[in-house]
Amino acid sequence: MFMEATEEMAMADKSTFAPDEWTTLLESVMATGLAVTAAEPSGLWGLLQESFASGKLLANAKMDTGSNPLIKAVVDDFATSEGRAASRDGLKEKLGGKKAADVKNACIQILGKVDGILSAKAPGDAAAFKNWLRQISQSVAEASTEGGFLGIGGVTVSDVEKATIAEISSALKLPG
């Protein structure tokens, strides 16, 4: 009984997951931001701002000594050429040739898989990882003003982006 409790409390890392599960976790880092971007594309400047927002949270997680160990493991692997290639190639296969609305839906499906993987393999890390993914989506949504003209008169987070963040929360089984 003591051993079971210890195993349950152990923090997950790459070795906890099958290769396809780990790839899905890597993909989720990009998928959460892509879902928001695809929901309401913001043009080239907005796309750049949203990409930088996602990257900033990755860098923050890498530098934060208090980050959840699973988040750090994913960020560390994402920092390698192999990790980026696995994520990029997996997303390219899943998203290639899709229209923006279909990209958003496919990304949200990936996030639903993440919930299942974390619930089964890393319940002790699930809440922190899923909340981090939602934080990425929120940061991406806030990165670029939507509507208006040249950024004037727009809103920070549009209704479409708010709805997408709610869908992301639902897929991750997080409270709204």
N, C-alpha and C. Protein backbone atom coordinates (compact mmCIF):
# COMPACT_ATOMS: atom_id res chain seq x y z
N MET A 1 0.82 -1.19 0.00
CA MET A 1 0.00 0.00 0.00
C MET A 1 0.86 1.26 0.00
N PHE A 2 1.91 1.27 0.84
CA PHE A 2 2.80 2.42 0.86
C PHE A 2 3.46 2.61 -0.49
N MET A 3 3.85 1.51 -1.13
CA MET A 3 4.50 1.59 -2.44
C MET A 3 3.56 2.18 -3.49
N GLU A 4 2.28 1.80 -3.44
CA GLU A 4 1.32 2.34 -4.40
C GLU A 4 1.19 3.85 -4.24
N ALA A 5 1.13 4.33 -3.01
CA ALA A 5 1.01 5.76 -2.77
C ALA A 5 2.25 6.49 -3.27
N THR A 6 3.43 5.90 -3.07
CA THR A 6 4.67 6.51 -3.53
C THR A 6 4.68 6.59 -5.05
N GLU A 7 4.28 5.51 -5.73
CA GLU A 7 4.25 5.51 -7.18
C GLU A 7 3.28 6.56 -7.71
N GLU A 8 2.15 6.71 -7.04
CA GLU A 8 1.15 7.67 -7.46
C GLU A 8 1.66 9.10 -7.33
N MET A 9 2.50 9.35 -6.31
CA MET A 9 2.99 10.69 -6.05
C MET A 9 4.23 11.02 -6.88
N ALA A 10 4.87 10.01 -7.49
CA ALA A 10 6.07 10.26 -8.28
C ALA A 10 5.72 11.17 -9.45
N MET A 11 6.62 12.11 -9.72
CA MET A 11 6.40 13.03 -10.83
C MET A 11 6.75 12.32 -12.13
N ALA A 12 5.97 12.61 -13.14
CA ALA A 12 6.14 11.96 -14.44
C ALA A 12 7.26 12.64 -15.24
N ASP A 13 7.86 11.87 -16.12
CA ASP A 13 8.81 12.39 -17.09
C ASP A 13 8.63 11.62 -18.39
N LYS A 14 9.52 11.81 -19.33
CA LYS A 14 9.37 11.20 -20.65
C LYS A 14 9.23 9.68 -20.57
N SER A 15 9.94 9.07 -19.64
CA SER A 15 9.92 7.60 -19.53
C SER A 15 8.57 7.06 -19.03
N THR A 16 7.73 7.92 -18.51
CA THR A 16 6.41 7.53 -18.02
C THR A 16 5.46 7.19 -19.18
N PHE A 17 5.75 7.72 -20.35
CA PHE A 17 4.82 7.67 -21.48
C PHE A 17 5.35 6.84 -22.63
N ALA A 18 4.42 6.24 -23.38
CA ALA A 18 4.77 5.58 -24.63
C ALA A 18 5.20 6.67 -25.62
N PRO A 19 6.01 6.33 -26.63
CA PRO A 19 6.48 7.36 -27.57
C PRO A 19 5.35 8.17 -28.23
N ASP A 20 4.26 7.52 -28.61
CA ASP A 20 3.16 8.27 -29.23
C ASP A 20 2.48 9.19 -28.23
N GLU A 21 2.41 8.79 -26.97
CA GLU A 21 1.82 9.65 -25.94
C GLU A 21 2.71 10.87 -25.71
N TRP A 22 4.01 10.64 -25.65
CA TRP A 22 4.95 11.75 -25.45
C TRP A 22 4.85 12.75 -26.61
N THR A 23 4.75 12.22 -27.82
CA THR A 23 4.61 13.09 -28.99
C THR A 23 3.34 13.93 -28.88
N THR A 24 2.25 13.32 -28.41
CA THR A 24 1.00 14.07 -28.23
C THR A 24 1.19 15.18 -27.21
N LEU A 25 1.93 14.92 -26.13
CA LEU A 25 2.20 15.98 -25.14
C LEU A 25 3.01 17.10 -25.78
N LEU A 26 4.01 16.74 -26.59
CA LEU A 26 4.79 17.77 -27.30
C LEU A 26 3.91 18.57 -28.25
N GLU A 27 3.05 17.87 -28.99
CA GLU A 27 2.15 18.55 -29.93
C GLU A 27 1.20 19.50 -29.21
N SER A 28 0.80 19.14 -28.00
CA SER A 28 -0.17 19.95 -27.27
C SER A 28 0.33 21.35 -26.99
N VAL A 29 1.63 21.50 -26.83
CA VAL A 29 2.21 22.81 -26.56
C VAL A 29 1.93 23.76 -27.73
N MET A 30 2.08 23.25 -28.95
CA MET A 30 1.80 24.08 -30.13
C MET A 30 0.30 24.11 -30.43
N ALA A 31 -0.38 23.00 -30.20
CA ALA A 31 -1.80 22.90 -30.55
C ALA A 31 -2.65 23.88 -29.77
N THR A 32 -2.32 24.13 -28.52
CA THR A 32 -3.14 25.03 -27.71
C THR A 32 -3.10 26.46 -28.26
N GLY A 33 -1.93 26.92 -28.69
CA GLY A 33 -1.83 28.24 -29.29
C GLY A 33 -2.41 28.28 -30.70
N LEU A 34 -2.17 27.21 -31.46
CA LEU A 34 -2.71 27.13 -32.82
C LEU A 34 -4.23 27.17 -32.84
N ALA A 35 -4.86 26.55 -31.86
CA ALA A 35 -6.32 26.54 -31.80
C ALA A 35 -6.85 27.97 -31.70
N VAL A 36 -6.22 28.77 -30.86
CA VAL A 36 -6.65 30.17 -30.69
C VAL A 36 -6.37 30.97 -31.96
N THR A 37 -5.18 30.79 -32.52
CA THR A 37 -4.81 31.51 -33.73
C THR A 37 -5.74 31.15 -34.89
N ALA A 38 -6.03 29.86 -35.04
CA ALA A 38 -6.89 29.41 -36.14
C ALA A 38 -8.34 29.86 -35.95
N ALA A 39 -8.76 30.03 -34.71
CA ALA A 39 -10.14 30.45 -34.43
C ALA A 39 -10.42 31.82 -35.01
N GLU A 40 -9.44 32.71 -34.93
CA GLU A 40 -9.62 34.06 -35.46
C GLU A 40 -8.25 34.59 -35.91
N PRO A 41 -7.87 34.23 -37.13
CA PRO A 41 -6.57 34.68 -37.63
C PRO A 41 -6.44 36.20 -37.59
N SER A 42 -5.25 36.67 -37.20
CA SER A 42 -5.04 38.10 -36.97
C SER A 42 -4.12 38.75 -37.98
N GLY A 43 -3.85 38.13 -39.09
CA GLY A 43 -2.92 38.69 -40.06
C GLY A 43 -1.49 38.40 -39.64
N LEU A 44 -0.54 38.81 -40.46
CA LEU A 44 0.87 38.49 -40.24
C LEU A 44 1.38 39.03 -38.91
N TRP A 45 1.14 40.30 -38.61
CA TRP A 45 1.64 40.89 -37.36
C TRP A 45 1.02 40.18 -36.14
N GLY A 46 -0.26 39.93 -36.20
CA GLY A 46 -0.93 39.23 -35.10
C GLY A 46 -0.39 37.82 -34.94
N LEU A 47 -0.16 37.14 -36.05
CA LEU A 47 0.40 35.78 -36.00
C LEU A 47 1.76 35.78 -35.33
N LEU A 48 2.59 36.75 -35.66
CA LEU A 48 3.91 36.85 -35.03
C LEU A 48 3.79 37.11 -33.53
N GLN A 49 2.91 38.03 -33.15
CA GLN A 49 2.71 38.33 -31.73
C GLN A 49 2.22 37.11 -30.98
N GLU A 50 1.30 36.37 -31.58
CA GLU A 50 0.76 35.18 -30.92
C GLU A 50 1.81 34.09 -30.81
N SER A 51 2.65 33.95 -31.82
CA SER A 51 3.74 32.96 -31.77
C SER A 51 4.73 33.32 -30.67
N PHE A 52 5.08 34.61 -30.58
CA PHE A 52 6.00 35.04 -29.54
C PHE A 52 5.42 34.81 -28.15
N ALA A 53 4.13 34.99 -27.98
CA ALA A 53 3.49 34.79 -26.68
C ALA A 53 3.64 33.34 -26.24
N SER A 54 3.43 32.42 -27.16
CA SER A 54 3.58 31.01 -26.85
C SER A 54 5.03 30.68 -26.50
N GLY A 55 5.95 31.20 -27.30
CA GLY A 55 7.37 30.97 -27.05
C GLY A 55 7.84 31.53 -25.73
N LYS A 56 7.29 32.69 -25.34
CA LYS A 56 7.66 33.31 -24.07
C LYS A 56 7.29 32.42 -22.89
N LEU A 57 6.11 31.78 -22.96
CA LEU A 57 5.71 30.90 -21.87
C LEU A 57 6.59 29.65 -21.81
N LEU A 58 7.03 29.17 -22.96
CA LEU A 58 7.97 28.04 -22.98
C LEU A 58 9.28 28.45 -22.29
N ALA A 59 9.79 29.61 -22.65
CA ALA A 59 11.03 30.09 -22.05
C ALA A 59 10.88 30.31 -20.55
N ASN A 60 9.75 30.87 -20.15
CA ASN A 60 9.50 31.08 -18.71
C ASN A 60 9.48 29.76 -17.96
N ALA A 61 8.84 28.75 -18.53
CA ALA A 61 8.77 27.44 -17.86
C ALA A 61 10.16 26.82 -17.74
N LYS A 62 10.97 27.01 -18.76
CA LYS A 62 12.33 26.46 -18.75
C LYS A 62 13.17 27.12 -17.66
N MET A 63 13.00 28.43 -17.49
CA MET A 63 13.83 29.17 -16.53
C MET A 63 13.31 29.12 -15.10
N ASP A 64 12.03 28.84 -14.92
CA ASP A 64 11.41 28.85 -13.60
C ASP A 64 11.78 27.58 -12.82
N THR A 65 12.53 27.76 -11.76
CA THR A 65 12.95 26.60 -10.97
C THR A 65 11.77 25.94 -10.26
N GLY A 66 10.66 26.64 -10.15
CA GLY A 66 9.48 26.09 -9.49
C GLY A 66 8.50 25.42 -10.45
N SER A 67 8.86 25.35 -11.73
CA SER A 67 7.95 24.74 -12.72
C SER A 67 7.73 23.26 -12.40
N ASN A 68 6.55 22.79 -12.74
CA ASN A 68 6.22 21.38 -12.60
C ASN A 68 7.24 20.55 -13.40
N PRO A 69 7.73 19.44 -12.83
CA PRO A 69 8.74 18.62 -13.52
C PRO A 69 8.29 18.10 -14.89
N LEU A 70 7.01 17.76 -15.05
CA LEU A 70 6.56 17.29 -16.36
C LEU A 70 6.58 18.43 -17.38
N ILE A 71 6.17 19.60 -16.97
CA ILE A 71 6.23 20.76 -17.86
C ILE A 71 7.68 21.00 -18.26
N LYS A 72 8.59 20.97 -17.30
CA LYS A 72 10.01 21.18 -17.60
C LYS A 72 10.52 20.11 -18.56
N ALA A 73 10.12 18.86 -18.36
CA ALA A 73 10.57 17.76 -19.23
C ALA A 73 10.09 17.97 -20.66
N VAL A 74 8.83 18.39 -20.82
CA VAL A 74 8.29 18.65 -22.16
C VAL A 74 9.01 19.84 -22.79
N VAL A 75 9.20 20.90 -22.03
CA VAL A 75 9.89 22.09 -22.55
C VAL A 75 11.33 21.73 -22.93
N ASP A 76 12.00 20.96 -22.09
CA ASP A 76 13.38 20.57 -22.39
C ASP A 76 13.45 19.73 -23.66
N ASP A 77 12.50 18.81 -23.84
CA ASP A 77 12.49 17.99 -25.04
C ASP A 77 12.11 18.83 -26.26
N PHE A 78 11.20 19.76 -26.06
CA PHE A 78 10.79 20.66 -27.14
C PHE A 78 11.97 21.51 -27.60
N ALA A 79 12.92 21.76 -26.72
CA ALA A 79 14.10 22.56 -27.04
C ALA A 79 15.10 21.80 -27.91
N THR A 80 14.93 20.48 -28.04
CA THR A 80 15.83 19.69 -28.88
C THR A 80 15.29 19.64 -30.31
N SER A 81 16.18 19.42 -31.26
CA SER A 81 15.72 19.31 -32.66
C SER A 81 14.81 18.10 -32.83
N GLU A 82 15.09 17.02 -32.09
CA GLU A 82 14.24 15.82 -32.19
C GLU A 82 12.84 16.08 -31.65
N GLY A 83 12.75 16.77 -30.52
CA GLY A 83 11.45 17.09 -29.93
C GLY A 83 10.63 18.01 -30.81
N ARG A 84 11.28 19.05 -31.35
CA ARG A 84 10.57 19.97 -32.25
C ARG A 84 10.12 19.24 -33.51
N ALA A 85 10.99 18.37 -34.04
CA ALA A 85 10.63 17.63 -35.26
C ALA A 85 9.45 16.71 -35.00
N ALA A 86 9.45 16.02 -33.87
CA ALA A 86 8.33 15.12 -33.55
C ALA A 86 7.03 15.90 -33.47
N SER A 87 7.07 17.05 -32.81
CA SER A 87 5.87 17.87 -32.67
C SER A 87 5.44 18.43 -34.02
N ARG A 88 6.38 19.00 -34.74
CA ARG A 88 6.09 19.61 -36.05
C ARG A 88 5.55 18.56 -37.02
N ASP A 89 6.22 17.41 -37.12
CA ASP A 89 5.80 16.38 -38.07
C ASP A 89 4.43 15.80 -37.71
N GLY A 90 4.19 15.61 -36.41
CA GLY A 90 2.89 15.10 -35.98
C GLY A 90 1.77 16.07 -36.29
N LEU A 91 2.02 17.35 -36.03
CA LEU A 91 1.00 18.37 -36.32
C LEU A 91 0.80 18.53 -37.82
N LYS A 92 1.88 18.46 -38.56
CA LYS A 92 1.78 18.58 -40.03
C LYS A 92 0.89 17.47 -40.58
N GLU A 93 1.07 16.27 -40.05
CA GLU A 93 0.25 15.13 -40.50
C GLU A 93 -1.21 15.32 -40.12
N LYS A 94 -1.47 15.81 -38.92
CA LYS A 94 -2.84 15.97 -38.43
C LYS A 94 -3.54 17.20 -39.00
N LEU A 95 -2.77 18.24 -39.31
CA LEU A 95 -3.37 19.52 -39.68
C LEU A 95 -3.19 19.91 -41.14
N GLY A 96 -2.29 19.24 -41.83
CA GLY A 96 -1.97 19.60 -43.21
C GLY A 96 -3.20 19.62 -44.10
N GLY A 97 -3.37 20.68 -44.87
CA GLY A 97 -4.46 20.81 -45.82
C GLY A 97 -5.80 21.20 -45.23
N LYS A 98 -5.86 21.43 -43.93
CA LYS A 98 -7.13 21.78 -43.30
C LYS A 98 -7.36 23.30 -43.34
N LYS A 99 -8.63 23.69 -43.34
CA LYS A 99 -9.01 25.10 -43.23
C LYS A 99 -8.91 25.50 -41.76
N ALA A 100 -8.90 26.79 -41.48
CA ALA A 100 -8.69 27.30 -40.12
C ALA A 100 -9.64 26.68 -39.10
N ALA A 101 -10.93 26.59 -39.40
CA ALA A 101 -11.89 26.02 -38.44
C ALA A 101 -11.57 24.55 -38.16
N ASP A 102 -11.15 23.82 -39.19
CA ASP A 102 -10.80 22.42 -39.01
C ASP A 102 -9.50 22.27 -38.23
N VAL A 103 -8.57 23.21 -38.42
CA VAL A 103 -7.33 23.21 -37.64
C VAL A 103 -7.66 23.39 -36.17
N LYS A 104 -8.51 24.36 -35.89
CA LYS A 104 -8.91 24.60 -34.49
C LYS A 104 -9.50 23.34 -33.88
N ASN A 105 -10.43 22.71 -34.59
CA ASN A 105 -11.08 21.50 -34.06
C ASN A 105 -10.10 20.36 -33.87
N ALA A 106 -9.18 20.18 -34.80
CA ALA A 106 -8.17 19.12 -34.69
C ALA A 106 -7.25 19.37 -33.49
N CYS A 107 -6.89 20.63 -33.27
CA CYS A 107 -6.06 20.98 -32.11
C CYS A 107 -6.79 20.67 -30.80
N ILE A 108 -8.06 20.98 -30.76
CA ILE A 108 -8.84 20.71 -29.56
C ILE A 108 -8.96 19.21 -29.33
N GLN A 109 -9.04 18.43 -30.39
CA GLN A 109 -9.04 16.96 -30.25
C GLN A 109 -7.73 16.47 -29.66
N ILE A 110 -6.62 17.06 -30.08
CA ILE A 110 -5.32 16.69 -29.51
C ILE A 110 -5.32 16.96 -28.01
N LEU A 111 -5.88 18.09 -27.61
CA LEU A 111 -5.92 18.45 -26.19
C LEU A 111 -6.81 17.50 -25.40
N GLY A 112 -7.87 17.00 -26.03
CA GLY A 112 -8.69 15.97 -25.38
C GLY A 112 -7.91 14.69 -25.14
N LYS A 113 -7.05 14.34 -26.09
CA LYS A 113 -6.18 13.16 -25.91
C LYS A 113 -5.21 13.39 -24.77
N VAL A 114 -4.70 14.60 -24.65
CA VAL A 114 -3.78 14.94 -23.57
C VAL A 114 -4.44 14.69 -22.22
N ASP A 115 -5.69 15.10 -22.08
CA ASP A 115 -6.41 14.86 -20.83
C ASP A 115 -6.43 13.37 -20.50
N GLY A 116 -6.75 12.54 -21.47
CA GLY A 116 -6.79 11.09 -21.24
C GLY A 116 -5.44 10.52 -20.88
N ILE A 117 -4.40 10.96 -21.58
CA ILE A 117 -3.05 10.47 -21.31
C ILE A 117 -2.61 10.85 -19.90
N LEU A 118 -2.82 12.11 -19.54
CA LEU A 118 -2.39 12.57 -18.21
C LEU A 118 -3.19 11.92 -17.10
N SER A 119 -4.49 11.74 -17.31
CA SER A 119 -5.32 11.09 -16.29
C SER A 119 -4.85 9.67 -16.03
N ALA A 120 -4.45 8.97 -17.11
CA ALA A 120 -4.03 7.57 -16.98
C ALA A 120 -2.59 7.43 -16.47
N LYS A 121 -1.70 8.29 -16.95
CA LYS A 121 -0.27 8.07 -16.70
C LYS A 121 0.36 9.03 -15.69
N ALA A 122 -0.23 10.20 -15.52
CA ALA A 122 0.40 11.21 -14.66
C ALA A 122 -0.64 12.04 -13.92
N PRO A 123 -1.49 11.38 -13.15
CA PRO A 123 -2.54 12.16 -12.46
C PRO A 123 -1.99 13.22 -11.51
N GLY A 124 -0.82 12.99 -10.94
CA GLY A 124 -0.22 13.97 -10.05
C GLY A 124 0.25 15.24 -10.75
N ASP A 125 0.50 15.14 -12.05
CA ASP A 125 0.97 16.28 -12.84
C ASP A 125 -0.12 16.86 -13.73
N ALA A 126 -1.24 16.18 -13.82
CA ALA A 126 -2.28 16.53 -14.80
C ALA A 126 -2.77 17.97 -14.62
N ALA A 127 -3.12 18.36 -13.43
CA ALA A 127 -3.69 19.70 -13.22
C ALA A 127 -2.70 20.79 -13.61
N ALA A 128 -1.45 20.66 -13.18
CA ALA A 128 -0.45 21.68 -13.49
C ALA A 128 -0.21 21.77 -15.00
N PHE A 129 -0.10 20.63 -15.66
CA PHE A 129 0.17 20.62 -17.09
C PHE A 129 -1.01 21.20 -17.87
N LYS A 130 -2.21 20.77 -17.53
CA LYS A 130 -3.40 21.24 -18.25
C LYS A 130 -3.62 22.74 -18.02
N ASN A 131 -3.39 23.21 -16.80
CA ASN A 131 -3.53 24.65 -16.53
C ASN A 131 -2.47 25.45 -17.28
N TRP A 132 -1.27 24.88 -17.43
CA TRP A 132 -0.22 25.53 -18.20
C TRP A 132 -0.63 25.66 -19.67
N LEU A 133 -1.22 24.60 -20.22
CA LEU A 133 -1.70 24.66 -21.60
C LEU A 133 -2.77 25.74 -21.75
N ARG A 134 -3.69 25.81 -20.79
CA ARG A 134 -4.72 26.85 -20.86
C ARG A 134 -4.08 28.23 -20.75
N GLN A 135 -3.06 28.36 -19.92
CA GLN A 135 -2.35 29.64 -19.78
C GLN A 135 -1.72 30.04 -21.12
N ILE A 136 -1.18 29.07 -21.85
CA ILE A 136 -0.62 29.36 -23.18
C ILE A 136 -1.73 29.91 -24.09
N SER A 137 -2.89 29.25 -24.08
CA SER A 137 -3.98 29.70 -24.95
C SER A 137 -4.43 31.11 -24.58
N GLN A 138 -4.50 31.41 -23.31
CA GLN A 138 -4.91 32.74 -22.85
C GLN A 138 -3.87 33.78 -23.28
N SER A 139 -2.61 33.44 -23.12
CA SER A 139 -1.54 34.36 -23.49
C SER A 139 -1.54 34.63 -24.99
N VAL A 140 -1.77 33.60 -25.79
CA VAL A 140 -1.85 33.76 -27.24
C VAL A 140 -3.04 34.66 -27.59
N ALA A 141 -4.17 34.44 -26.95
CA ALA A 141 -5.36 35.25 -27.23
C ALA A 141 -5.12 36.73 -26.89
N GLU A 142 -4.37 37.00 -25.84
CA GLU A 142 -4.13 38.37 -25.39
C GLU A 142 -3.00 39.06 -26.15
N ALA A 143 -2.27 38.32 -26.98
CA ALA A 143 -1.07 38.85 -27.62
C ALA A 143 -1.36 39.87 -28.71
N SER A 144 -2.48 39.75 -29.35
CA SER A 144 -2.79 40.62 -30.49
C SER A 144 -4.20 41.16 -30.37
N THR A 145 -4.35 42.45 -30.61
CA THR A 145 -5.67 43.07 -30.58
C THR A 145 -6.48 42.60 -31.78
N GLU A 146 -7.72 42.23 -31.53
CA GLU A 146 -8.61 41.76 -32.60
C GLU A 146 -9.58 42.87 -32.97
N GLY A 147 -9.84 43.02 -34.27
CA GLY A 147 -10.77 44.03 -34.75
C GLY A 147 -10.11 45.39 -34.79
N GLY A 148 -10.88 46.38 -35.07
CA GLY A 148 -10.36 47.74 -35.16
C GLY A 148 -9.54 47.93 -36.42
N PHE A 149 -8.78 49.00 -36.45
CA PHE A 149 -7.93 49.32 -37.59
C PHE A 149 -6.53 49.62 -37.09
N LEU A 150 -5.56 48.87 -37.57
CA LEU A 150 -4.17 49.00 -37.14
C LEU A 150 -4.04 48.93 -35.62
N GLY A 151 -4.84 48.06 -35.02
CA GLY A 151 -4.77 47.86 -33.58
C GLY A 151 -5.53 48.87 -32.76
N ILE A 152 -6.17 49.84 -33.42
CA ILE A 152 -6.91 50.88 -32.71
C ILE A 152 -8.39 50.50 -32.71
N GLY A 153 -8.99 50.52 -31.52
CA GLY A 153 -10.41 50.26 -31.43
C GLY A 153 -10.77 48.79 -31.35
N GLY A 154 -9.80 47.93 -31.30
CA GLY A 154 -10.07 46.50 -31.20
C GLY A 154 -10.21 46.06 -29.75
N VAL A 155 -10.37 44.76 -29.58
CA VAL A 155 -10.47 44.18 -28.24
C VAL A 155 -9.28 43.27 -28.01
N THR A 156 -8.88 43.14 -26.75
CA THR A 156 -7.73 42.30 -26.43
C THR A 156 -8.02 40.84 -26.72
N VAL A 157 -9.16 40.34 -26.27
CA VAL A 157 -9.55 38.96 -26.52
C VAL A 157 -10.96 38.98 -27.10
N SER A 158 -11.09 38.49 -28.31
CA SER A 158 -12.40 38.52 -28.98
C SER A 158 -13.33 37.45 -28.41
N ASP A 159 -14.60 37.57 -28.73
CA ASP A 159 -15.58 36.56 -28.30
C ASP A 159 -15.25 35.19 -28.88
N VAL A 160 -14.76 35.15 -30.12
CA VAL A 160 -14.39 33.88 -30.75
C VAL A 160 -13.22 33.24 -30.00
N GLU A 161 -12.24 34.07 -29.61
CA GLU A 161 -11.10 33.54 -28.85
C GLU A 161 -11.54 33.07 -27.46
N LYS A 162 -12.43 33.83 -26.82
CA LYS A 162 -12.96 33.40 -25.51
C LYS A 162 -13.66 32.05 -25.63
N ALA A 163 -14.43 31.89 -26.69
CA ALA A 163 -15.14 30.62 -26.90
C ALA A 163 -14.14 29.48 -27.14
N THR A 164 -13.06 29.77 -27.86
CA THR A 164 -12.04 28.75 -28.12
C THR A 164 -11.33 28.36 -26.83
N ILE A 165 -11.02 29.33 -25.99
CA ILE A 165 -10.40 29.03 -24.70
C ILE A 165 -11.35 28.18 -23.85
N ALA A 166 -12.63 28.46 -23.92
CA ALA A 166 -13.61 27.63 -23.20
C ALA A 166 -13.62 26.21 -23.75
N GLU A 167 -13.51 26.06 -25.09
CA GLU A 167 -13.44 24.72 -25.69
C GLU A 167 -12.17 24.00 -25.26
N ILE A 168 -11.07 24.73 -25.19
CA ILE A 168 -9.80 24.15 -24.73
C ILE A 168 -9.94 23.68 -23.29
N SER A 169 -10.53 24.51 -22.44
CA SER A 169 -10.75 24.14 -21.03
C SER A 169 -11.61 22.90 -20.93
N SER A 170 -12.64 22.83 -21.75
CA SER A 170 -13.54 21.68 -21.75
C SER A 170 -12.81 20.42 -22.20
N ALA A 171 -12.02 20.51 -23.27
CA ALA A 171 -11.27 19.36 -23.76
C ALA A 171 -10.29 18.85 -22.71
N LEU A 172 -9.72 19.78 -21.94
CA LEU A 172 -8.77 19.42 -20.89
C LEU A 172 -9.46 19.08 -19.57
N LYS A 173 -10.78 19.17 -19.59
CA LYS A 173 -11.61 18.92 -18.39
C LYS A 173 -11.19 19.82 -17.21
N LEU A 174 -11.01 21.09 -17.55
CA LEU A 174 -10.71 22.11 -16.55
C LEU A 174 -11.97 22.94 -16.30
N PRO A 175 -12.16 23.43 -15.08
CA PRO A 175 -13.32 24.28 -14.84
C PRO A 175 -13.21 25.55 -15.69
N GLY A 176 -14.35 26.02 -16.18
CA GLY A 176 -14.40 27.20 -17.06
C GLY A 176 -13.85 28.40 -16.42
